[in-house]
């Protein structure tokens, strides 16, 4: 099976995640080889959490899983683009549809999205 070039970037490759139907960018994450293989095998997005130092199966706590529709790889073979169906409506751990729910506007950040769920109730934290 062909795989991205994990060795080029210290074992991790960046992953851009888009909603398949709209093209909306939902998030950016990272995969190691194990996460990539699990994603291919299961059809559900699995990432590598740099902060936790382990695999992160998207939606394992919130139920907001990502069903993979297509996998693209850039010309250098070291960045992945996932086209997904976002189940539950939220990709962001802060409860928003997209992790890009803030817009830089005249020197400040403005919230432009609405929360889909309350992270305090789902994760017990903000």
PDB file of N, CA and C in Angstrom:
ATOM      1  N   UNK A   1       0.847  -1.182   0.000  1.00  0.00           N
ATOM      2  CA  UNK A   1       0.000   0.000   0.000  1.00  0.00           C
ATOM      3  C   UNK A   1       0.892   1.245   0.000  1.00  0.00           C
ATOM      4  N   UNK A   2       0.582   2.177  -0.872  1.00  0.00           N
ATOM      5  CA  UNK A   2       1.304   3.449  -0.892  1.00  0.00           C
ATOM      6  C   UNK A   2       0.940   4.255   0.347  1.00  0.00           C
ATOM      7  N   UNK A   3       1.914   5.000   0.875  1.00  0.00           N
ATOM      8  CA  UNK A   3       1.691   5.846   2.050  1.00  0.00           C
ATOM      9  C   UNK A   3       2.381   7.185   1.838  1.00  0.00           C
ATOM     10  N   UNK A   4       1.908   8.223   2.539  1.00  0.00           N
ATOM     11  CA  UNK A   4       2.610   9.503   2.489  1.00  0.00           C
ATOM     12  C   UNK A   4       4.032   9.364   3.026  1.00  0.00           C
ATOM     13  N   UNK A   5       4.871  10.339   2.728  1.00  0.00           N
ATOM     14  CA  UNK A   5       6.263  10.341   3.168  1.00  0.00           C
ATOM     15  C   UNK A   5       6.357  10.842   4.610  1.00  0.00           C
ATOM     16  N   UNK A   6       6.174   9.926   5.549  1.00  0.00           N
ATOM     17  CA  UNK A   6       6.199  10.281   6.974  1.00  0.00           C
ATOM     18  C   UNK A   6       7.603  10.629   7.448  1.00  0.00           C
ATOM     19  N   UNK A   7       8.611  10.048   6.855  1.00  0.00           N
ATOM     20  CA  UNK A   7       9.994  10.273   7.284  1.00  0.00           C
ATOM     21  C   UNK A   7      10.444  11.707   7.025  1.00  0.00           C
ATOM     22  N   UNK A   8       9.890  12.334   6.021  1.00  0.00           N
ATOM     23  CA  UNK A   8      10.314  13.674   5.631  1.00  0.00           C
ATOM     24  C   UNK A   8      10.093  14.711   6.735  1.00  0.00           C
ATOM     25  N   UNK A   9       9.056  14.525   7.539  1.00  0.00           N
ATOM     26  CA  UNK A   9       8.700  15.518   8.551  1.00  0.00           C
ATOM     27  C   UNK A   9       8.674  14.927   9.960  1.00  0.00           C
ATOM     28  N   UNK A  10       9.615  14.085  10.246  1.00  0.00           N
ATOM     29  CA  UNK A  10       9.720  13.548  11.603  1.00  0.00           C
ATOM     30  C   UNK A  10       8.621  12.593  12.003  1.00  0.00           C
ATOM     31  N   UNK A  11       8.027  11.924  11.042  1.00  0.00           N
ATOM     32  CA  UNK A  11       7.026  10.907  11.360  1.00  0.00           C
ATOM     33  C   UNK A  11       5.594  11.387  11.299  1.00  0.00           C
ATOM     34  N   UNK A  12       5.361  12.681  11.114  1.00  0.00           N
ATOM     35  CA  UNK A  12       4.004  13.223  11.050  1.00  0.00           C
ATOM     36  C   UNK A  12       3.802  13.983   9.741  1.00  0.00           C
ATOM     37  N   UNK A  13       2.595  13.929   9.220  1.00  0.00           N
ATOM     38  CA  UNK A  13       2.237  14.749   8.067  1.00  0.00           C
ATOM     39  C   UNK A  13       1.006  15.576   8.427  1.00  0.00           C
ATOM     40  N   UNK A  14       0.952  16.825   7.948  1.00  0.00           N
ATOM     41  CA  UNK A  14      -0.249  17.633   8.185  1.00  0.00           C
ATOM     42  C   UNK A  14      -1.414  17.121   7.349  1.00  0.00           C
ATOM     43  N   UNK A  15      -2.607  17.289   7.899  1.00  0.00           N
ATOM     44  CA  UNK A  15      -3.831  16.852   7.234  1.00  0.00           C
ATOM     45  C   UNK A  15      -4.830  18.011   7.227  1.00  0.00           C
ATOM     46  N   UNK A  16      -5.236  18.418   6.048  1.00  0.00           N
ATOM     47  CA  UNK A  16      -6.293  19.414   5.893  1.00  0.00           C
ATOM     48  C   UNK A  16      -7.594  18.638   5.733  1.00  0.00           C
ATOM     49  N   UNK A  17      -8.621  19.032   6.488  1.00  0.00           N
ATOM     50  CA  UNK A  17      -9.883  18.295   6.475  1.00  0.00           C
ATOM     51  C   UNK A  17     -10.992  19.205   5.946  1.00  0.00           C
ATOM     52  N   UNK A  18     -11.663  18.748   4.883  1.00  0.00           N
ATOM     53  CA  UNK A  18     -12.748  19.499   4.269  1.00  0.00           C
ATOM     54  C   UNK A  18     -14.044  18.709   4.314  1.00  0.00           C
ATOM     55  N   UNK A  19     -15.161  19.429   4.463  1.00  0.00           N
ATOM     56  CA  UNK A  19     -16.473  18.818   4.299  1.00  0.00           C
ATOM     57  C   UNK A  19     -16.613  18.479   2.820  1.00  0.00           C
ATOM     58  N   UNK A  20     -16.920  17.238   2.517  1.00  0.00           N
ATOM     59  CA  UNK A  20     -16.940  16.777   1.133  1.00  0.00           C
ATOM     60  C   UNK A  20     -17.976  17.506   0.281  1.00  0.00           C
ATOM     61  N   UNK A  21     -19.155  17.717   0.819  1.00  0.00           N
ATOM     62  CA  UNK A  21     -20.227  18.312   0.018  1.00  0.00           C
ATOM     63  C   UNK A  21     -20.013  19.787  -0.275  1.00  0.00           C
ATOM     64  N   UNK A  22     -19.416  20.541   0.661  1.00  0.00           N
ATOM     65  CA  UNK A  22     -19.314  21.999   0.506  1.00  0.00           C
ATOM     66  C   UNK A  22     -17.903  22.501   0.248  1.00  0.00           C
ATOM     67  N   UNK A  23     -16.893  21.699   0.582  1.00  0.00           N
ATOM     68  CA  UNK A  23     -15.513  22.144   0.466  1.00  0.00           C
ATOM     69  C   UNK A  23     -15.054  22.997   1.643  1.00  0.00           C
ATOM     70  N   UNK A  24     -15.929  23.209   2.629  1.00  0.00           N
ATOM     71  CA  UNK A  24     -15.573  23.999   3.811  1.00  0.00           C
ATOM     72  C   UNK A  24     -14.407  23.342   4.547  1.00  0.00           C
ATOM     73  N   UNK A  25     -13.393  24.137   4.902  1.00  0.00           N
ATOM     74  CA  UNK A  25     -12.279  23.617   5.695  1.00  0.00           C
ATOM     75  C   UNK A  25     -12.745  23.505   7.143  1.00  0.00           C
ATOM     76  N   UNK A  26     -12.680  22.291   7.669  1.00  0.00           N
ATOM     77  CA  UNK A  26     -13.140  22.038   9.028  1.00  0.00           C
ATOM     78  C   UNK A  26     -12.021  22.116  10.051  1.00  0.00           C
ATOM     79  N   UNK A  27     -10.835  21.636   9.684  1.00  0.00           N
ATOM     80  CA  UNK A  27      -9.744  21.586  10.653  1.00  0.00           C
ATOM     81  C   UNK A  27      -8.440  21.210   9.970  1.00  0.00           C
ATOM     82  N   UNK A  28      -7.367  21.341  10.716  1.00  0.00           N
ATOM     83  CA  UNK A  28      -6.048  20.858  10.315  1.00  0.00           C
ATOM     84  C   UNK A  28      -5.542  20.004  11.465  1.00  0.00           C
ATOM     85  N   UNK A  29      -5.018  18.845  11.137  1.00  0.00           N
ATOM     86  CA  UNK A  29      -4.506  17.933  12.161  1.00  0.00           C
ATOM     87  C   UNK A  29      -3.244  17.276  11.626  1.00  0.00           C
ATOM     88  N   UNK A  30      -2.775  16.244  12.319  1.00  0.00           N
ATOM     89  CA  UNK A  30      -1.581  15.508  11.903  1.00  0.00           C
ATOM     90  C   UNK A  30      -1.866  14.020  11.949  1.00  0.00           C
ATOM     91  N   UNK A  31      -1.163  13.284  11.092  1.00  0.00           N
ATOM     92  CA  UNK A  31      -1.231  11.826  11.092  1.00  0.00           C
ATOM     93  C   UNK A  31       0.173  11.268  11.151  1.00  0.00           C
ATOM     94  N   UNK A  32       0.306  10.166  11.891  1.00  0.00           N
ATOM     95  CA  UNK A  32       1.503   9.342  11.749  1.00  0.00           C
ATOM     96  C   UNK A  32       1.096   8.147  10.879  1.00  0.00           C
ATOM     97  N   UNK A  33       2.018   7.259  10.638  1.00  0.00           N
ATOM     98  CA  UNK A  33       1.730   6.133   9.753  1.00  0.00           C
ATOM     99  C   UNK A  33       0.583   5.270  10.272  1.00  0.00           C
ATOM    100  N   UNK A  34       0.556   5.037  11.569  1.00  0.00           N
ATOM    101  CA  UNK A  34      -0.497   4.214  12.164  1.00  0.00           C
ATOM    102  C   UNK A  34      -1.877   4.856  11.987  1.00  0.00           C
ATOM    103  N   UNK A  35      -1.961   6.164  12.190  1.00  0.00           N
ATOM    104  CA  UNK A  35      -3.232   6.877  12.020  1.00  0.00           C
ATOM    105  C   UNK A  35      -3.700   6.816  10.571  1.00  0.00           C
ATOM    106  N   UNK A  36      -2.764   6.985   9.635  1.00  0.00           N
ATOM    107  CA  UNK A  36      -3.108   6.910   8.218  1.00  0.00           C
ATOM    108  C   UNK A  36      -3.659   5.526   7.879  1.00  0.00           C
ATOM    109  N   UNK A  37      -2.971   4.484   8.326  1.00  0.00           N
ATOM    110  CA  UNK A  37      -3.408   3.114   8.032  1.00  0.00           C
ATOM    111  C   UNK A  37      -4.783   2.828   8.627  1.00  0.00           C
ATOM    112  N   UNK A  38      -5.029   3.296   9.849  1.00  0.00           N
ATOM    113  CA  UNK A  38      -6.333   3.081  10.466  1.00  0.00           C
ATOM    114  C   UNK A  38      -7.431   3.827   9.708  1.00  0.00           C
ATOM    115  N   UNK A  39      -7.134   5.038   9.283  1.00  0.00           N
ATOM    116  CA  UNK A  39      -8.096   5.831   8.508  1.00  0.00           C
ATOM    117  C   UNK A  39      -8.460   5.101   7.222  1.00  0.00           C
ATOM    118  N   UNK A  40      -7.465   4.597   6.508  1.00  0.00           N
ATOM    119  CA  UNK A  40      -7.702   3.859   5.262  1.00  0.00           C
ATOM    120  C   UNK A  40      -8.504   2.593   5.543  1.00  0.00           C
ATOM    121  N   UNK A  41      -8.128   1.868   6.591  1.00  0.00           N
ATOM    122  CA  UNK A  41      -8.768   0.586   6.906  1.00  0.00           C
ATOM    123  C   UNK A  41     -10.223   0.747   7.356  1.00  0.00           C
ATOM    124  N   UNK A  42     -10.509   1.765   8.183  1.00  0.00           N
ATOM    125  CA  UNK A  42     -11.837   1.896   8.784  1.00  0.00           C
ATOM    126  C   UNK A  42     -12.770   2.850   8.045  1.00  0.00           C
ATOM    127  N   UNK A  43     -12.196   3.774   7.256  1.00  0.00           N
ATOM    128  CA  UNK A  43     -13.024   4.781   6.599  1.00  0.00           C
ATOM    129  C   UNK A  43     -13.468   5.890   7.525  1.00  0.00           C
ATOM    130  N   UNK A  44     -12.894   5.937   8.717  1.00  0.00           N
ATOM    131  CA  UNK A  44     -13.159   7.007   9.691  1.00  0.00           C
ATOM    132  C   UNK A  44     -11.841   7.690  10.026  1.00  0.00           C
ATOM    133  N   UNK A  45     -11.897   9.002  10.175  1.00  0.00           N
ATOM    134  CA  UNK A  45     -10.686   9.781  10.399  1.00  0.00           C
ATOM    135  C   UNK A  45     -10.047   9.452  11.745  1.00  0.00           C
ATOM    136  N   UNK A  46      -8.753   9.208  11.688  1.00  0.00           N
ATOM    137  CA  UNK A  46      -7.928   8.969  12.866  1.00  0.00           C
ATOM    138  C   UNK A  46      -6.689   9.834  12.709  1.00  0.00           C
ATOM    139  N   UNK A  47      -6.325  10.536  13.755  1.00  0.00           N
ATOM    140  CA  UNK A  47      -5.189  11.451  13.705  1.00  0.00           C
ATOM    141  C   UNK A  47      -4.201  11.093  14.807  1.00  0.00           C
ATOM    142  N   UNK A  48      -3.082  11.804  14.809  1.00  0.00           N
ATOM    143  CA  UNK A  48      -2.125  11.670  15.899  1.00  0.00           C
ATOM    144  C   UNK A  48      -2.171  12.955  16.706  1.00  0.00           C
ATOM    145  N   UNK A  49      -2.486  12.861  17.972  1.00  0.00           N
ATOM    146  CA  UNK A  49      -2.538  14.021  18.850  1.00  0.00           C
ATOM    147  C   UNK A  49      -1.137  14.320  19.368  1.00  0.00           C
ATOM    148  N   UNK A  50      -0.605  15.453  18.944  1.00  0.00           N
ATOM    149  CA  UNK A  50       0.730  15.850  19.404  1.00  0.00           C
ATOM    150  C   UNK A  50       0.714  16.196  20.886  1.00  0.00           C
ATOM    151  N   UNK A  51      -0.356  16.788  21.381  1.00  0.00           N
ATOM    152  CA  UNK A  51      -0.418  17.169  22.797  1.00  0.00           C
ATOM    153  C   UNK A  51      -0.557  15.966  23.717  1.00  0.00           C
ATOM    154  N   UNK A  52      -1.274  14.929  23.262  1.00  0.00           N
ATOM    155  CA  UNK A  52      -1.472  13.725  24.083  1.00  0.00           C
ATOM    156  C   UNK A  52      -0.458  12.636  23.777  1.00  0.00           C
ATOM    157  N   UNK A  53       0.211  12.755  22.618  1.00  0.00           N
ATOM    158  CA  UNK A  53       1.206  11.758  22.235  1.00  0.00           C
ATOM    159  C   UNK A  53       0.628  10.398  21.918  1.00  0.00           C
ATOM    160  N   UNK A  54      -0.575  10.392  21.323  1.00  0.00           N
ATOM    161  CA  UNK A  54      -1.221   9.112  20.993  1.00  0.00           C
ATOM    162  C   UNK A  54      -2.225   9.310  19.872  1.00  0.00           C
ATOM    163  N   UNK A  55      -2.752   8.184  19.364  1.00  0.00           N
ATOM    164  CA  UNK A  55      -3.771   8.254  18.327  1.00  0.00           C
ATOM    165  C   UNK A  55      -5.023   8.936  18.865  1.00  0.00           C
ATOM    166  N   UNK A  56      -5.677   9.668  17.970  1.00  0.00           N
ATOM    167  CA  UNK A  56      -6.895  10.388  18.302  1.00  0.00           C
ATOM    168  C   UNK A  56      -7.936  10.010  17.257  1.00  0.00           C
ATOM    169  N   UNK A  57      -8.866   9.201  17.670  1.00  0.00           N
ATOM    170  CA  UNK A  57      -9.947   8.780  16.781  1.00  0.00           C
ATOM    171  C   UNK A  57     -11.036   9.840  16.852  1.00  0.00           C
ATOM    172  N   UNK A  58     -11.158  10.601  15.779  1.00  0.00           N
ATOM    173  CA  UNK A  58     -12.063  11.745  15.774  1.00  0.00           C
ATOM    174  C   UNK A  58     -13.463  11.315  16.170  1.00  0.00           C
ATOM    175  N   UNK A  59     -13.992  11.966  17.198  1.00  0.00           N
ATOM    176  CA  UNK A  59     -15.343  11.682  17.666  1.00  0.00           C
ATOM    177  C   UNK A  59     -15.441  10.632  18.740  1.00  0.00           C
ATOM    178  N   UNK A  60     -14.300  10.100  19.215  1.00  0.00           N
ATOM    179  CA  UNK A  60     -14.374   9.026  20.210  1.00  0.00           C
ATOM    180  C   UNK A  60     -15.013   9.489  21.514  1.00  0.00           C
ATOM    181  N   UNK A  61     -14.919  10.770  21.838  1.00  0.00           N
ATOM    182  CA  UNK A  61     -15.581  11.291  23.044  1.00  0.00           C
ATOM    183  C   UNK A  61     -16.881  12.008  22.711  1.00  0.00           C
ATOM    184  N   UNK A  62     -16.879  12.801  21.648  1.00  0.00           N
ATOM    185  CA  UNK A  62     -18.028  13.648  21.326  1.00  0.00           C
ATOM    186  C   UNK A  62     -19.081  12.949  20.480  1.00  0.00           C
ATOM    187  N   UNK A  63     -18.693  11.897  19.756  1.00  0.00           N
ATOM    188  CA  UNK A  63     -19.599  11.253  18.823  1.00  0.00           C
ATOM    189  C   UNK A  63     -19.622  11.923  17.457  1.00  0.00           C
ATOM    190  N   UNK A  64     -18.863  13.004  17.307  1.00  0.00           N
ATOM    191  CA  UNK A  64     -18.815  13.768  16.059  1.00  0.00           C
ATOM    192  C   UNK A  64     -17.705  13.205  15.166  1.00  0.00           C
ATOM    193  N   UNK A  65     -17.946  12.034  14.611  1.00  0.00           N
ATOM    194  CA  UNK A  65     -16.948  11.342  13.803  1.00  0.00           C
ATOM    195  C   UNK A  65     -16.884  11.930  12.395  1.00  0.00           C
ATOM    196  N   UNK A  66     -15.802  11.599  11.696  1.00  0.00           N
ATOM    197  CA  UNK A  66     -15.633  12.020  10.312  1.00  0.00           C
ATOM    198  C   UNK A  66     -15.551  10.785   9.430  1.00  0.00           C
ATOM    199  N   UNK A  67     -16.548  10.634   8.576  1.00  0.00           N
ATOM    200  CA  UNK A  67     -16.563   9.532   7.621  1.00  0.00           C
ATOM    201  C   UNK A  67     -15.800   9.981   6.383  1.00  0.00           C
ATOM    202  N   UNK A  68     -14.743   9.269   6.051  1.00  0.00           N
ATOM    203  CA  UNK A  68     -13.863   9.665   4.952  1.00  0.00           C
ATOM    204  C   UNK A  68     -14.511   9.326   3.613  1.00  0.00           C
ATOM    205  N   UNK A  69     -14.592  10.332   2.761  1.00  0.00           N
ATOM    206  CA  UNK A  69     -15.142  10.177   1.412  1.00  0.00           C
ATOM    207  C   UNK A  69     -14.027  10.039   0.372  1.00  0.00           C
ATOM    208  N   UNK A  70     -12.894  10.751   0.593  1.00  0.00           N
ATOM    209  CA  UNK A  70     -11.775  10.679  -0.349  1.00  0.00           C
ATOM    210  C   UNK A  70     -10.503  11.131   0.362  1.00  0.00           C
ATOM    211  N   UNK A  71      -9.376  10.577  -0.091  1.00  0.00           N
ATOM    212  CA  UNK A  71      -8.064  10.943   0.426  1.00  0.00           C
ATOM    213  C   UNK A  71      -7.218  11.440  -0.738  1.00  0.00           C
ATOM    214  N   UNK A  72      -6.703  12.651  -0.603  1.00  0.00           N
ATOM    215  CA  UNK A  72      -5.811  13.230  -1.602  1.00  0.00           C
ATOM    216  C   UNK A  72      -4.454  13.464  -0.954  1.00  0.00           C
ATOM    217  N   UNK A  73      -3.411  13.439  -1.755  1.00  0.00           N
ATOM    218  CA  UNK A  73      -2.062  13.694  -1.260  1.00  0.00           C
ATOM    219  C   UNK A  73      -1.430  14.735  -2.181  1.00  0.00           C
ATOM    220  N   UNK A  74      -0.676  15.669  -1.602  1.00  0.00           N
ATOM    221  CA  UNK A  74      -0.068  16.729  -2.404  1.00  0.00           C
ATOM    222  C   UNK A  74       1.069  16.196  -3.279  1.00  0.00           C
ATOM    223  N   UNK A  75       1.599  17.075  -4.115  1.00  0.00           N
ATOM    224  CA  UNK A  75       2.607  16.695  -5.105  1.00  0.00           C
ATOM    225  C   UNK A  75       3.897  16.158  -4.490  1.00  0.00           C
ATOM    226  N   UNK A  76       4.234  16.575  -3.271  1.00  0.00           N
ATOM    227  CA  UNK A  76       5.443  16.096  -2.606  1.00  0.00           C
ATOM    228  C   UNK A  76       5.210  14.822  -1.796  1.00  0.00           C
ATOM    229  N   UNK A  77       3.962  14.418  -1.672  1.00  0.00           N
ATOM    230  CA  UNK A  77       3.636  13.207  -0.921  1.00  0.00           C
ATOM    231  C   UNK A  77       3.774  13.360   0.578  1.00  0.00           C
ATOM    232  N   UNK A  78       3.711  14.626   1.071  1.00  0.00           N
ATOM    233  CA  UNK A  78       3.920  14.828   2.506  1.00  0.00           C
ATOM    234  C   UNK A  78       2.822  15.652   3.184  1.00  0.00           C
ATOM    235  N   UNK A  79       1.694  15.837   2.515  1.00  0.00           N
ATOM    236  CA  UNK A  79       0.530  16.491   3.108  1.00  0.00           C
ATOM    237  C   UNK A  79      -0.710  15.784   2.587  1.00  0.00           C
ATOM    238  N   UNK A  80      -1.663  15.555   3.480  1.00  0.00           N
ATOM    239  CA  UNK A  80      -2.885  14.832   3.136  1.00  0.00           C
ATOM    240  C   UNK A  80      -4.077  15.786   3.176  1.00  0.00           C
ATOM    241  N   UNK A  81      -4.993  15.589   2.255  1.00  0.00           N
ATOM    242  CA  UNK A  81      -6.279  16.279   2.254  1.00  0.00           C
ATOM    243  C   UNK A  81      -7.352  15.222   2.397  1.00  0.00           C
ATOM    244  N   UNK A  82      -8.133  15.309   3.468  1.00  0.00           N
ATOM    245  CA  UNK A  82      -9.268  14.395   3.651  1.00  0.00           C
ATOM    246  C   UNK A  82     -10.545  15.125   3.288  1.00  0.00           C
ATOM    247  N   UNK A  83     -11.360  14.509   2.465  1.00  0.00           N
ATOM    248  CA  UNK A  83     -12.715  14.988   2.207  1.00  0.00           C
ATOM    249  C   UNK A  83     -13.608  14.075   3.039  1.00  0.00           C
ATOM    250  N   UNK A  84     -14.385  14.668   3.941  1.00  0.00           N
ATOM    251  CA  UNK A  84     -15.147  13.883   4.909  1.00  0.00           C
ATOM    252  C   UNK A  84     -16.608  14.307   4.947  1.00  0.00           C
ATOM    253  N   UNK A  85     -17.413  13.431   5.530  1.00  0.00           N
ATOM    254  CA  UNK A  85     -18.761  13.792   5.967  1.00  0.00           C
ATOM    255  C   UNK A  85     -18.655  13.942   7.470  1.00  0.00           C
ATOM    256  N   UNK A  86     -18.912  15.152   7.973  1.00  0.00           N
ATOM    257  CA  UNK A  86     -18.813  15.436   9.403  1.00  0.00           C
ATOM    258  C   UNK A  86     -20.121  15.058  10.075  1.00  0.00           C
ATOM    259  N   UNK A  87     -20.109  13.966  10.818  1.00  0.00           N
ATOM    260  CA  UNK A  87     -21.288  13.500  11.544  1.00  0.00           C
ATOM    261  C   UNK A  87     -21.462  14.343  12.803  1.00  0.00           C
ATOM    262  N   UNK A  88     -22.680  14.767  13.081  1.00  0.00           N
ATOM    263  CA  UNK A  88     -22.965  15.519  14.299  1.00  0.00           C
ATOM    264  C   UNK A  88     -22.797  17.013  14.154  1.00  0.00           C
ATOM    265  N   UNK A  89     -22.237  17.460  13.041  1.00  0.00           N
ATOM    266  CA  UNK A  89     -22.197  18.884  12.762  1.00  0.00           C
ATOM    267  C   UNK A  89     -21.030  19.674  13.296  1.00  0.00           C
ATOM    268  N   UNK A  90     -20.161  19.104  14.120  1.00  0.00           N
ATOM    269  CA  UNK A  90     -19.059  19.877  14.685  1.00  0.00           C
ATOM    270  C   UNK A  90     -17.738  19.136  14.562  1.00  0.00           C
ATOM    271  N   UNK A  91     -16.737  19.809  14.005  1.00  0.00           N
ATOM    272  CA  UNK A  91     -15.392  19.248  13.916  1.00  0.00           C
ATOM    273  C   UNK A  91     -14.505  19.761  15.041  1.00  0.00           C
ATOM    274  N   UNK A  92     -14.823  20.926  15.571  1.00  0.00           N
ATOM    275  CA  UNK A  92     -13.967  21.599  16.548  1.00  0.00           C
ATOM    276  C   UNK A  92     -14.246  21.136  17.978  1.00  0.00           C
ATOM    277  N   UNK A  93     -13.182  20.923  18.750  1.00  0.00           N
ATOM    278  CA  UNK A  93     -13.345  20.499  20.146  1.00  0.00           C
ATOM    279  C   UNK A  93     -13.960  21.598  21.015  1.00  0.00           C
ATOM    280  N   UNK A  94     -14.028  22.820  20.487  1.00  0.00           N
ATOM    281  CA  UNK A  94     -14.686  23.905  21.223  1.00  0.00           C
ATOM    282  C   UNK A  94     -16.171  23.996  20.878  1.00  0.00           C
ATOM    283  N   UNK A  95     -16.654  23.034  20.099  1.00  0.00           N
ATOM    284  CA  UNK A  95     -18.076  22.926  19.822  1.00  0.00           C
ATOM    285  C   UNK A  95     -18.556  23.587  18.547  1.00  0.00           C
ATOM    286  N   UNK A  96     -17.644  24.111  17.745  1.00  0.00           N
ATOM    287  CA  UNK A  96     -18.016  24.779  16.505  1.00  0.00           C
ATOM    288  C   UNK A  96     -17.926  23.810  15.323  1.00  0.00           C
ATOM    289  N   UNK A  97     -18.643  24.139  14.250  1.00  0.00           N
ATOM    290  CA  UNK A  97     -18.613  23.312  13.049  1.00  0.00           C
ATOM    291  C   UNK A  97     -17.196  23.181  12.506  1.00  0.00           C
ATOM    292  N   UNK A  98     -16.494  24.295  12.444  1.00  0.00           N
ATOM    293  CA  UNK A  98     -15.127  24.346  11.932  1.00  0.00           C
ATOM    294  C   UNK A  98     -14.205  24.898  13.010  1.00  0.00           C
ATOM    295  N   UNK A  99     -12.965  24.474  12.984  1.00  0.00           N
ATOM    296  CA  UNK A  99     -11.977  25.057  13.897  1.00  0.00           C
ATOM    297  C   UNK A  99     -11.667  26.508  13.518  1.00  0.00           C
ATOM    298  N   UNK A 100     -12.063  26.897  12.327  1.00  0.00           N
ATOM    299  CA  UNK A 100     -11.824  28.257  11.842  1.00  0.00           C
ATOM    300  C   UNK A 100     -13.069  29.110  12.066  1.00  0.00           C
ATOM    301  N   UNK A 101     -13.472  29.228  13.328  1.00  0.00           N
ATOM    302  CA  UNK A 101     -14.681  29.971  13.681  1.00  0.00           C
ATOM    303  C   UNK A 101     -14.384  31.412  14.081  1.00  0.00           C
ATOM    304  N   UNK A 102     -13.113  31.800  14.003  1.00  0.00           N
ATOM    305  CA  UNK A 102     -12.731  33.182  14.313  1.00  0.00           C
ATOM    306  C   UNK A 102     -12.110  33.822  13.082  1.00  0.00           C
ATOM    307  N   UNK A 103     -12.415  35.086  12.893  1.00  0.00           N
ATOM    308  CA  UNK A 103     -11.893  35.834  11.754  1.00  0.00           C
ATOM    309  C   UNK A 103     -11.048  36.993  12.263  1.00  0.00           C
ATOM    310  N   UNK A 104      -9.882  37.172  11.638  1.00  0.00           N
ATOM    311  CA  UNK A 104      -9.029  38.308  11.960  1.00  0.00           C
ATOM    312  C   UNK A 104      -9.622  39.529  11.265  1.00  0.00           C
ATOM    313  N   UNK A 105      -9.989  40.539  12.035  1.00  0.00           N
ATOM    314  CA  UNK A 105     -10.646  41.717  11.478  1.00  0.00           C
ATOM    315  C   UNK A 105     -10.129  42.973  12.169  1.00  0.00           C
ATOM    316  N   UNK A 106      -9.374  43.752  11.434  1.00  0.00           N
ATOM    317  CA  UNK A 106      -8.842  45.026  11.921  1.00  0.00           C
ATOM    318  C   UNK A 106      -8.121  44.887  13.260  1.00  0.00           C
ATOM    319  N   UNK A 107      -7.239  43.896  13.335  1.00  0.00           N
ATOM    320  CA  UNK A 107      -6.397  43.734  14.514  1.00  0.00           C
ATOM    321  C   UNK A 107      -6.995  42.952  15.663  1.00  0.00           C
ATOM    322  N   UNK A 108      -8.172  42.383  15.470  1.00  0.00           N
ATOM    323  CA  UNK A 108      -8.776  41.594  16.554  1.00  0.00           C
ATOM    324  C   UNK A 108      -9.438  40.353  15.978  1.00  0.00           C
ATOM    325  N   UNK A 109      -9.698  39.398  16.847  1.00  0.00           N
ATOM    326  CA  UNK A 109     -10.393  38.182  16.434  1.00  0.00           C
ATOM    327  C   UNK A 109     -11.872  38.317  16.743  1.00  0.00           C
ATOM    328  N   UNK A 110     -12.696  37.990  15.734  1.00  0.00           N
ATOM    329  CA  UNK A 110     -14.140  38.064  15.866  1.00  0.00           C
ATOM    330  C   UNK A 110     -14.704  36.666  15.641  1.00  0.00           C
ATOM    331  N   UNK A 111     -15.566  36.209  16.529  1.00  0.00           N
ATOM    332  CA  UNK A 111     -16.211  34.913  16.357  1.00  0.00           C
ATOM    333  C   UNK A 111     -17.250  35.028  15.258  1.00  0.00           C
ATOM    334  N   UNK A 112     -17.136  34.146  14.261  1.00  0.00           N
ATOM    335  CA  UNK A 112     -18.059  34.184  13.124  1.00  0.00           C
ATOM    336  C   UNK A 112     -18.909  32.920  13.025  1.00  0.00           C
ATOM    337  N   UNK A 113     -18.676  31.969  13.898  1.00  0.00           N
ATOM    338  CA  UNK A 113     -19.455  30.732  13.889  1.00  0.00           C
ATOM    339  C   UNK A 113     -20.299  30.620  15.135  1.00  0.00           C
ATOM    340  N   UNK A 114     -21.209  29.667  15.113  1.00  0.00           N
ATOM    341  CA  UNK A 114     -22.035  29.390  16.282  1.00  0.00           C
ATOM    342  C   UNK A 114     -21.728  27.995  16.791  1.00  0.00           C
ATOM    343  N   UNK A 115     -21.771  27.855  18.108  1.00  0.00           N
ATOM    344  CA  UNK A 115     -21.499  26.545  18.704  1.00  0.00           C
ATOM    345  C   UNK A 115     -22.592  25.544  18.367  1.00  0.00           C
ATOM    346  N   UNK A 116     -22.152  24.335  18.066  1.00  0.00           N
ATOM    347  CA  UNK A 116     -23.057  23.224  17.796  1.00  0.00           C
ATOM    348  C   UNK A 116     -23.308  22.449  19.084  1.00  0.00           C
ATOM    349  N   UNK A 117     -22.276  22.373  19.938  1.00  0.00           N
ATOM    350  CA  UNK A 117     -22.435  21.704  21.227  1.00  0.00           C
ATOM    351  C   UNK A 117     -21.618  22.421  22.289  1.00  0.00           C
ATOM    352  N   UNK A 118     -21.952  22.154  23.543  1.00  0.00           N
ATOM    353  CA  UNK A 118     -21.267  22.758  24.682  1.00  0.00           C
ATOM    354  C   UNK A 118     -20.111  21.845  25.097  1.00  0.00           C
ATOM    355  N   UNK A 119     -18.849  22.295  24.913  1.00  0.00           N
ATOM    356  CA  UNK A 119     -17.720  21.431  25.262  1.00  0.00           C
ATOM    357  C   UNK A 119     -17.667  21.073  26.750  1.00  0.00           C
ATOM    358  N   UNK A 120     -18.186  21.918  27.611  1.00  0.00           N
ATOM    359  CA  UNK A 120     -18.218  21.622  29.054  1.00  0.00           C
ATOM    360  C   UNK A 120     -19.040  20.358  29.311  1.00  0.00           C
ATOM    361  N   UNK A 121     -20.158  20.239  28.619  1.00  0.00           N
ATOM    362  CA  UNK A 121     -21.023  19.070  28.814  1.00  0.00           C
ATOM    363  C   UNK A 121     -20.434  17.821  28.177  1.00  0.00           C
ATOM    364  N   UNK A 122     -19.720  17.971  27.068  1.00  0.00           N
ATOM    365  CA  UNK A 122     -19.169  16.810  26.351  1.00  0.00           C
ATOM    366  C   UNK A 122     -17.864  16.342  26.964  1.00  0.00           C
ATOM    367  N   UNK A 123     -16.954  17.268  27.247  1.00  0.00           N
ATOM    368  CA  UNK A 123     -15.621  16.911  27.728  1.00  0.00           C
ATOM    369  C   UNK A 123     -15.382  17.226  29.194  1.00  0.00           C
ATOM    370  N   UNK A 124     -16.305  17.982  29.802  1.00  0.00           N
ATOM    371  CA  UNK A 124     -16.111  18.385  31.194  1.00  0.00           C
ATOM    372  C   UNK A 124     -15.101  19.503  31.338  1.00  0.00           C
ATOM    373  N   UNK A 125     -14.878  20.259  30.261  1.00  0.00           N
ATOM    374  CA  UNK A 125     -13.942  21.389  30.278  1.00  0.00           C
ATOM    375  C   UNK A 125     -14.339  22.365  29.200  1.00  0.00           C
ATOM    376  N   UNK A 126     -13.724  23.513  29.201  1.00  0.00           N
ATOM    377  CA  UNK A 126     -14.004  24.533  28.188  1.00  0.00           C
ATOM    378  C   UNK A 126     -13.317  24.201  26.886  1.00  0.00           C
TER     379      UNK A 126
END
